[in-house]
Amino acid sequence: MMTDDKFVSEYLSDEHLSSADEKEGEFVGATLSLKPTGSGYIGVHTYHGSTNDVTDGHPFIRNEQHTPTPIDNQAMATDPNLNRSRPGSTYSRRSTLSTSSRTSKKQNIVRTDEACDLFFSYKDNSFDTAVRKCSEHIQREADGQFQGAWILTEVDHWNNELEKLVILTDDSLLIFKYNFITQKVLLYKRIFLHCIDTVKMGDFVYPNFSVMPNRSHGGIQICWNKGQIPPISQVWNPFSNDIPWAIFCHHPLIYNPKESETAYFNVDDFMDTLADCLNKCYNRKRPNENATIVEGAILLKNYVNLPSVFFNSNSLGFSRDRNGFCF
């Protein structure tokens, strides 16, 4: 058993990160939080709470008080690609001239301004604030530079739709469970890009004989399990944070005509940036290998799940105003 200091020093080296997948049976990284939740997958870490909660045992510091990464607010304000002055603009480093959806949208769905106002993520400056707070968790040594942020819908392994803020950096994908009402980070997961092996883009489908209503839309699935099936204890646990894939689709606000071209609600813009970052990261970390990016149906393994139908139809996975009750 290696000591903590030795573990951290080895973990921080680029050589160790780049060769992580070549060392079969070795657990690389750690899952450190207020309540540790080890995933068992190389290059994946889950954390609870804010940066102020994480001191002892943090995988990127040697038992020192964590100092959040400073955010250059002036640069964000002056960069036209990082400025949100109104609903419908963009907070992406990529062009917004070609953000129309390639993954299929739900048909005949239009969200009015009144319906959008119920989402706390649609409030003035809410996205800017969320990105600023979540960016405090970026570790420059391990993650690299910020590349973009999005608010998307995650479909978990129990078919529940959850509002997530997603940040891409040079070397990492960070997925945040962020409360837009209290403006606090509740949970976040870090996946190193060189550990992602497959990205699939296509329509969502259910298995044969499933009684679940057709979704009639698509999204993307990001996998880092190399095709291995997770243990039944994870699959059948609706609260498990250790599922070795993430499934995303457009945020509901994209169905407002004003927001149909907003990049940070659009999973396609996220996909474009992810593919670019994956390619560059693999060139640095695993130059003789490539991540697989394919188009095809994304299977949601649900047969009978009435609770998720109720959960999704009432948007319980989103921070909303519900007739005076906000949750």
Protein backbone atom coordinates (compact mmCIF):
# COMPACT_ATOMS: atom_id res chain seq x y z
CA MET A 1 0.00 0.00 0.00
CA MET A 2 1.56 3.29 -1.06
CA THR A 3 1.59 6.26 1.28
CA ASP A 4 -0.63 9.27 0.63
CA ASP A 5 2.33 11.49 -0.33
CA LYS A 6 3.67 8.91 -2.74
CA PHE A 7 0.21 8.38 -4.19
CA VAL A 8 -0.33 12.09 -4.80
CA SER A 9 3.08 12.65 -6.33
CA GLU A 10 2.62 9.73 -8.70
CA TYR A 11 -0.93 10.73 -9.49
CA LEU A 12 0.05 14.25 -10.50
CA SER A 13 2.64 13.16 -13.03
CA ASP A 14 1.61 13.29 -16.67
CA GLU A 15 3.37 9.99 -17.26
CA HIS A 16 1.16 8.31 -14.66
CA LEU A 17 -2.00 9.82 -16.12
CA SER A 18 -1.12 8.94 -19.69
CA SER A 19 -0.34 5.34 -18.84
CA ALA A 20 -3.27 4.79 -16.48
CA ASP A 21 -5.17 2.50 -18.78
CA GLU A 22 -2.10 0.40 -19.48
CA LYS A 23 -1.73 -0.61 -15.84
CA GLU A 24 -4.36 -3.26 -15.46
CA GLY A 25 -5.76 -3.72 -12.00
CA GLU A 26 -4.26 -0.53 -10.58
CA PHE A 27 -6.66 2.03 -9.17
CA VAL A 28 -5.53 5.47 -10.31
CA GLY A 29 -6.97 8.52 -8.60
CA ALA A 30 -9.27 8.69 -5.61
CA THR A 31 -12.81 9.60 -4.80
CA LEU A 32 -12.47 12.09 -1.98
CA SER A 33 -15.39 14.03 -0.57
CA LEU A 34 -17.32 14.72 2.58
CA LYS A 35 -18.74 11.25 2.02
CA PRO A 36 -16.34 9.23 -0.14
CA THR A 37 -17.98 7.37 -3.02
CA GLY A 38 -15.36 5.30 -4.79
CA SER A 39 -16.23 4.47 -8.37
CA GLY A 40 -13.58 1.87 -9.14
CA TYR A 41 -13.15 3.30 -12.65
CA ILE A 42 -9.77 4.72 -13.60
CA GLY A 43 -9.72 8.48 -14.01
CA VAL A 44 -13.16 9.12 -12.50
CA HIS A 45 -13.69 11.05 -9.28
CA THR A 46 -16.87 12.15 -7.51
CA TYR A 47 -17.02 14.93 -4.91
CA HIS A 48 -19.69 16.27 -2.57
CA GLY A 49 -20.06 19.85 -1.40
CA SER A 50 -18.04 22.95 -2.16
CA THR A 51 -14.31 23.45 -2.49
CA ASN A 52 -14.22 24.69 1.09
CA ASP A 53 -15.37 21.25 2.22
CA VAL A 54 -12.40 19.45 0.67
CA THR A 55 -9.07 19.64 2.47
CA ASP A 56 -7.54 16.44 3.83
CA GLY A 57 -6.93 13.82 1.19
CA HIS A 58 -7.86 15.96 -1.81
CA PRO A 59 -6.31 14.15 -4.80
CA PHE A 60 -4.77 17.31 -6.23
CA ILE A 61 -3.18 18.83 -3.10
CA ARG A 62 -1.07 17.51 -0.27
CA ASN A 63 -3.35 18.13 2.70
CA GLU A 64 -3.23 21.88 2.16
CA GLN A 65 -6.12 24.31 2.29
CA HIS A 66 -7.62 24.35 -1.20
CA THR A 67 -7.57 27.75 -2.90
CA PRO A 68 -10.18 28.07 -5.65
CA THR A 69 -8.89 28.82 -9.12
CA PRO A 70 -9.21 32.58 -9.67
CA ILE A 71 -11.62 33.58 -12.42
CA ASP A 72 -10.78 36.54 -14.61
CA ASN A 73 -14.12 38.35 -14.51
CA GLN A 74 -12.82 41.21 -16.63
CA ALA A 75 -11.77 38.83 -19.39
CA MET A 76 -15.13 37.10 -19.23
CA ALA A 77 -16.90 40.42 -19.54
CA THR A 78 -14.88 41.60 -22.52
CA ASP A 79 -14.71 38.33 -24.45
CA PRO A 80 -17.74 38.36 -26.80
CA ASN A 81 -17.90 34.57 -26.68
CA LEU A 82 -18.13 34.56 -22.89
CA ASN A 83 -20.69 37.27 -22.34
CA ARG A 84 -24.36 36.70 -21.66
CA SER A 85 -26.21 39.99 -21.77
CA ARG A 86 -29.64 38.54 -22.54
CA PRO A 87 -31.49 35.24 -22.81
CA GLY A 88 -30.70 33.77 -26.18
CA SER A 89 -27.04 34.72 -26.35
CA THR A 90 -24.20 32.28 -25.87
CA TYR A 91 -21.56 31.32 -23.34
CA SER A 92 -19.47 29.14 -25.57
CA ARG A 93 -16.04 29.47 -27.14
CA ARG A 94 -17.42 28.02 -30.35
CA SER A 95 -19.26 29.75 -33.16
CA THR A 96 -23.00 30.14 -32.67
CA LEU A 97 -23.69 30.31 -36.39
CA SER A 98 -24.22 26.58 -36.72
CA THR A 99 -25.81 25.40 -33.49
CA SER A 100 -29.08 24.11 -34.93
CA SER A 101 -29.78 20.68 -33.54
CA ARG A 102 -28.38 17.59 -35.24
CA THR A 103 -29.65 15.27 -32.53
CA SER A 104 -33.37 15.00 -32.98
CA LYS A 105 -35.56 17.27 -30.90
CA LYS A 106 -38.97 16.49 -29.51
CA GLN A 107 -41.53 17.27 -32.17
CA ASN A 108 -44.23 19.93 -31.83
CA ILE A 109 -42.91 21.16 -28.47
CA VAL A 110 -42.77 24.91 -27.83
CA ARG A 111 -42.01 26.47 -24.45
CA THR A 112 -43.45 29.91 -23.89
CA ASP A 113 -41.58 32.70 -22.12
CA GLU A 114 -43.84 32.19 -19.11
CA ALA A 115 -42.94 28.50 -18.95
CA CYS A 116 -39.24 29.29 -19.27
CA ASP A 117 -39.40 31.84 -16.46
CA LEU A 118 -40.20 28.99 -14.06
CA PHE A 119 -36.67 27.63 -14.53
CA PHE A 120 -34.14 29.22 -12.19
CA SER A 121 -31.43 28.51 -14.75
CA TYR A 122 -33.22 31.02 -17.00
CA LYS A 123 -33.05 33.87 -14.49
CA ASP A 124 -30.78 36.83 -15.19
CA ASN A 125 -27.11 36.06 -14.57
CA SER A 126 -27.90 32.58 -13.21
CA PHE A 127 -25.78 30.86 -15.84
CA ASP A 128 -22.87 33.25 -15.34
CA THR A 129 -23.00 32.72 -11.58
CA ALA A 130 -23.21 28.94 -11.95
CA VAL A 131 -20.24 28.79 -14.31
CA ARG A 132 -18.19 31.06 -12.06
CA LYS A 133 -18.88 28.94 -8.96
CA CYS A 134 -18.39 25.62 -10.70
CA SER A 135 -15.17 26.84 -12.31
CA GLU A 136 -13.70 27.18 -8.82
CA HIS A 137 -13.40 23.39 -8.85
CA ILE A 138 -11.17 23.37 -11.92
CA GLN A 139 -7.66 22.22 -11.02
CA ARG A 140 -5.28 23.69 -13.56
CA GLU A 141 -2.59 21.04 -12.97
CA ALA A 142 -4.94 18.15 -13.74
CA ASP A 143 -7.67 19.73 -15.87
CA GLY A 144 -5.96 22.37 -17.97
CA GLN A 145 -7.72 25.43 -19.36
CA PHE A 146 -11.47 26.07 -19.44
CA GLN A 147 -12.96 25.31 -22.87
CA GLY A 148 -16.72 25.74 -22.45
CA ALA A 149 -19.80 25.30 -20.26
CA TRP A 150 -23.33 24.08 -20.91
CA ILE A 151 -26.58 23.44 -19.06
CA LEU A 152 -27.89 20.11 -20.32
CA THR A 153 -30.31 17.37 -19.38
CA GLU A 154 -28.71 14.19 -18.08
CA VAL A 155 -30.68 10.95 -18.37
CA ASP A 156 -29.53 8.68 -15.57
CA HIS A 157 -29.54 4.89 -15.48
CA TRP A 158 -33.06 4.91 -14.02
CA ASN A 159 -34.37 7.08 -16.85
CA ASN A 160 -34.67 10.20 -14.68
CA GLU A 161 -33.99 13.55 -16.34
CA LEU A 162 -31.67 15.77 -14.30
CA GLU A 163 -30.47 19.32 -14.86
CA LYS A 164 -26.66 19.35 -14.99
CA LEU A 165 -24.03 21.98 -15.61
CA VAL A 166 -21.20 20.57 -17.69
CA ILE A 167 -17.72 22.06 -18.05
CA LEU A 168 -15.08 20.96 -20.53
CA THR A 169 -11.41 21.69 -20.04
CA ASP A 170 -8.31 20.63 -21.96
CA ASP A 171 -8.09 17.30 -20.15
CA SER A 172 -11.31 16.79 -18.17
CA LEU A 173 -15.07 16.61 -18.30
CA LEU A 174 -16.70 17.95 -15.13
CA ILE A 175 -20.39 17.23 -14.47
CA PHE A 176 -22.05 19.31 -11.76
CA LYS A 177 -25.24 18.82 -9.84
CA TYR A 178 -25.86 22.49 -9.16
CA ASN A 179 -28.79 24.00 -7.28
CA PHE A 180 -29.78 27.10 -9.24
CA ILE A 181 -32.04 28.21 -6.36
CA THR A 182 -29.43 28.25 -3.59
CA GLN A 183 -26.59 28.71 -6.10
CA LYS A 184 -24.54 25.91 -4.58
CA VAL A 185 -22.65 22.94 -5.97
CA LEU A 186 -24.16 19.79 -4.48
CA LEU A 187 -22.11 17.15 -6.26
CA TYR A 188 -19.65 16.97 -9.10
CA LYS A 189 -17.80 14.32 -11.03
CA ARG A 190 -14.51 14.60 -12.88
CA ILE A 191 -13.78 12.31 -15.84
CA PHE A 192 -10.39 12.55 -17.48
CA LEU A 193 -10.83 12.79 -21.24
CA HIS A 194 -8.11 10.25 -22.01
CA CYS A 195 -10.15 7.69 -20.06
CA ILE A 196 -13.24 8.14 -22.28
CA ASP A 197 -13.28 5.34 -24.84
CA THR A 198 -16.61 5.76 -26.69
CA VAL A 199 -19.03 8.55 -27.54
CA LYS A 200 -22.30 7.65 -29.24
CA MET A 201 -24.69 10.10 -30.87
CA GLY A 202 -28.24 9.16 -31.89
CA ASP A 203 -31.88 8.70 -30.96
CA PHE A 204 -32.97 7.26 -27.63
CA VAL A 205 -34.68 3.87 -27.82
CA TYR A 206 -36.10 1.46 -25.26
CA PRO A 207 -35.72 -2.34 -25.38
CA ASN A 208 -38.27 -4.56 -27.07
CA PHE A 209 -41.31 -5.21 -24.89
CA SER A 210 -40.68 -2.04 -22.90
CA VAL A 211 -43.87 -0.22 -21.91
CA MET A 212 -42.09 3.12 -21.56
CA PRO A 213 -43.46 5.91 -23.78
CA ASN A 214 -41.30 6.70 -26.80
CA ARG A 215 -38.98 9.64 -26.28
CA SER A 216 -38.90 10.69 -29.94
CA HIS A 217 -35.64 12.58 -29.50
CA GLY A 218 -31.95 11.91 -29.21
CA GLY A 219 -28.76 12.83 -27.42
CA ILE A 220 -25.25 11.56 -26.75
CA GLN A 221 -23.75 8.86 -24.54
CA ILE A 222 -20.22 9.15 -23.15
CA CYS A 223 -18.65 5.90 -21.92
CA TRP A 224 -15.45 5.14 -20.02
CA ASN A 225 -16.01 1.45 -19.20
CA LYS A 226 -14.51 -0.13 -22.35
CA GLY A 227 -17.69 -2.11 -22.84
CA GLN A 228 -17.63 -3.69 -19.40
CA ILE A 229 -21.01 -4.12 -17.73
CA PRO A 230 -21.17 -2.49 -14.27
CA PRO A 231 -22.09 -4.72 -11.33
CA ILE A 232 -25.74 -5.27 -10.56
CA SER A 233 -25.32 -3.43 -7.26
CA GLN A 234 -24.69 -0.23 -9.23
CA VAL A 235 -27.28 -0.72 -11.95
CA TRP A 236 -30.10 -1.45 -9.52
CA ASN A 237 -29.17 1.38 -7.17
CA PRO A 238 -31.07 4.51 -8.30
CA PHE A 239 -28.73 6.69 -6.22
CA SER A 240 -25.48 5.27 -7.59
CA ASN A 241 -22.97 7.84 -8.82
CA ASP A 242 -20.62 5.18 -10.17
CA ILE A 243 -22.30 4.31 -13.47
CA PRO A 244 -19.49 4.38 -16.08
CA TRP A 245 -21.33 6.45 -18.66
CA ALA A 246 -23.23 9.70 -18.94
CA ILE A 247 -26.17 10.39 -21.27
CA PHE A 248 -27.08 13.96 -22.23
CA CYS A 249 -29.72 15.65 -24.34
CA HIS A 250 -30.88 19.22 -24.95
CA HIS A 251 -32.05 21.33 -22.03
CA PRO A 252 -35.84 21.98 -22.07
CA LEU A 253 -35.22 25.71 -22.54
CA ILE A 254 -34.01 25.06 -26.08
CA TYR A 255 -37.66 24.57 -27.05
CA ASN A 256 -38.28 28.28 -26.55
CA PRO A 257 -38.04 29.97 -29.97
CA LYS A 258 -35.69 32.61 -28.51
CA GLU A 259 -33.34 29.94 -27.20
CA SER A 260 -33.41 27.49 -30.12
CA GLU A 261 -29.94 28.63 -31.19
CA THR A 262 -28.48 29.20 -27.72
CA ALA A 263 -25.27 27.18 -27.67
CA TYR A 264 -25.15 26.35 -23.98
CA PHE A 265 -28.57 24.66 -24.00
CA ASN A 266 -27.64 22.65 -27.09
CA VAL A 267 -26.09 19.20 -26.72
CA ASP A 268 -24.76 19.39 -30.28
CA ASP A 269 -22.53 22.35 -29.46
CA PHE A 270 -21.27 20.40 -26.45
CA MET A 271 -20.63 17.40 -28.69
CA ASP A 272 -18.59 19.50 -31.13
CA THR A 273 -16.37 20.83 -28.35
CA LEU A 274 -16.06 17.41 -26.72
CA ALA A 275 -14.89 15.79 -29.96
CA ASP A 276 -12.30 18.53 -30.42
CA CYS A 277 -11.03 18.26 -26.83
CA LEU A 278 -10.95 14.45 -27.00
CA ASN A 279 -8.85 14.50 -30.14
CA LYS A 280 -6.32 16.94 -28.68
CA CYS A 281 -6.17 15.16 -25.32
CA TYR A 282 -5.60 11.77 -26.94
CA ASN A 283 -2.81 13.25 -29.04
CA ARG A 284 -1.11 14.38 -25.83
CA LYS A 285 -1.87 11.49 -23.48
CA ARG A 286 -2.38 8.47 -25.75
CA PRO A 287 -0.90 9.36 -29.15
CA ASN A 288 -1.25 5.88 -30.63
CA GLU A 289 -4.92 5.48 -29.72
CA ASN A 290 -8.24 7.09 -30.54
CA ALA A 291 -11.59 7.42 -28.82
CA THR A 292 -14.47 5.89 -30.78
CA ILE A 293 -17.17 8.32 -31.91
CA VAL A 294 -20.14 6.62 -33.56
CA GLU A 295 -23.68 7.39 -34.63
CA GLY A 296 -26.45 4.99 -33.67
CA ALA A 297 -29.38 4.37 -31.39
CA ILE A 298 -28.74 4.89 -27.67
CA LEU A 299 -30.41 2.14 -25.65
CA LEU A 300 -32.11 3.15 -22.40
CA LYS A 301 -32.55 -0.10 -20.50
CA ASN A 302 -35.90 0.55 -18.90
CA TYR A 303 -38.91 -1.71 -19.23
CA VAL A 304 -41.44 -0.59 -16.62
CA ASN A 305 -40.56 2.54 -14.68
CA LEU A 306 -43.65 4.53 -13.80
CA PRO A 307 -41.86 6.61 -11.13
CA SER A 308 -39.52 8.02 -13.79
CA VAL A 309 -42.50 8.90 -16.00
CA PHE A 310 -43.98 10.91 -13.13
CA PHE A 311 -40.58 12.38 -12.25
CA ASN A 312 -39.88 13.55 -15.79
CA SER A 313 -43.38 14.78 -16.62
CA ASN A 314 -43.20 17.11 -13.62
CA SER A 315 -39.58 18.18 -14.28
CA LEU A 316 -38.59 17.21 -10.75
CA GLY A 317 -34.93 17.02 -11.76
CA PHE A 318 -34.82 20.76 -12.54
CA SER A 319 -34.65 23.81 -10.28
CA ARG A 320 -38.05 25.39 -10.81
CA ASP A 321 -40.70 27.59 -9.27
CA ARG A 322 -43.71 25.33 -8.67
CA ASN A 323 -46.58 27.65 -7.83
CA GLY A 324 -44.64 29.33 -5.05
CA PHE A 325 -42.78 26.21 -3.96
CA CYS A 326 -39.24 26.30 -5.28
CA PHE A 327 -37.26 23.09 -5.60
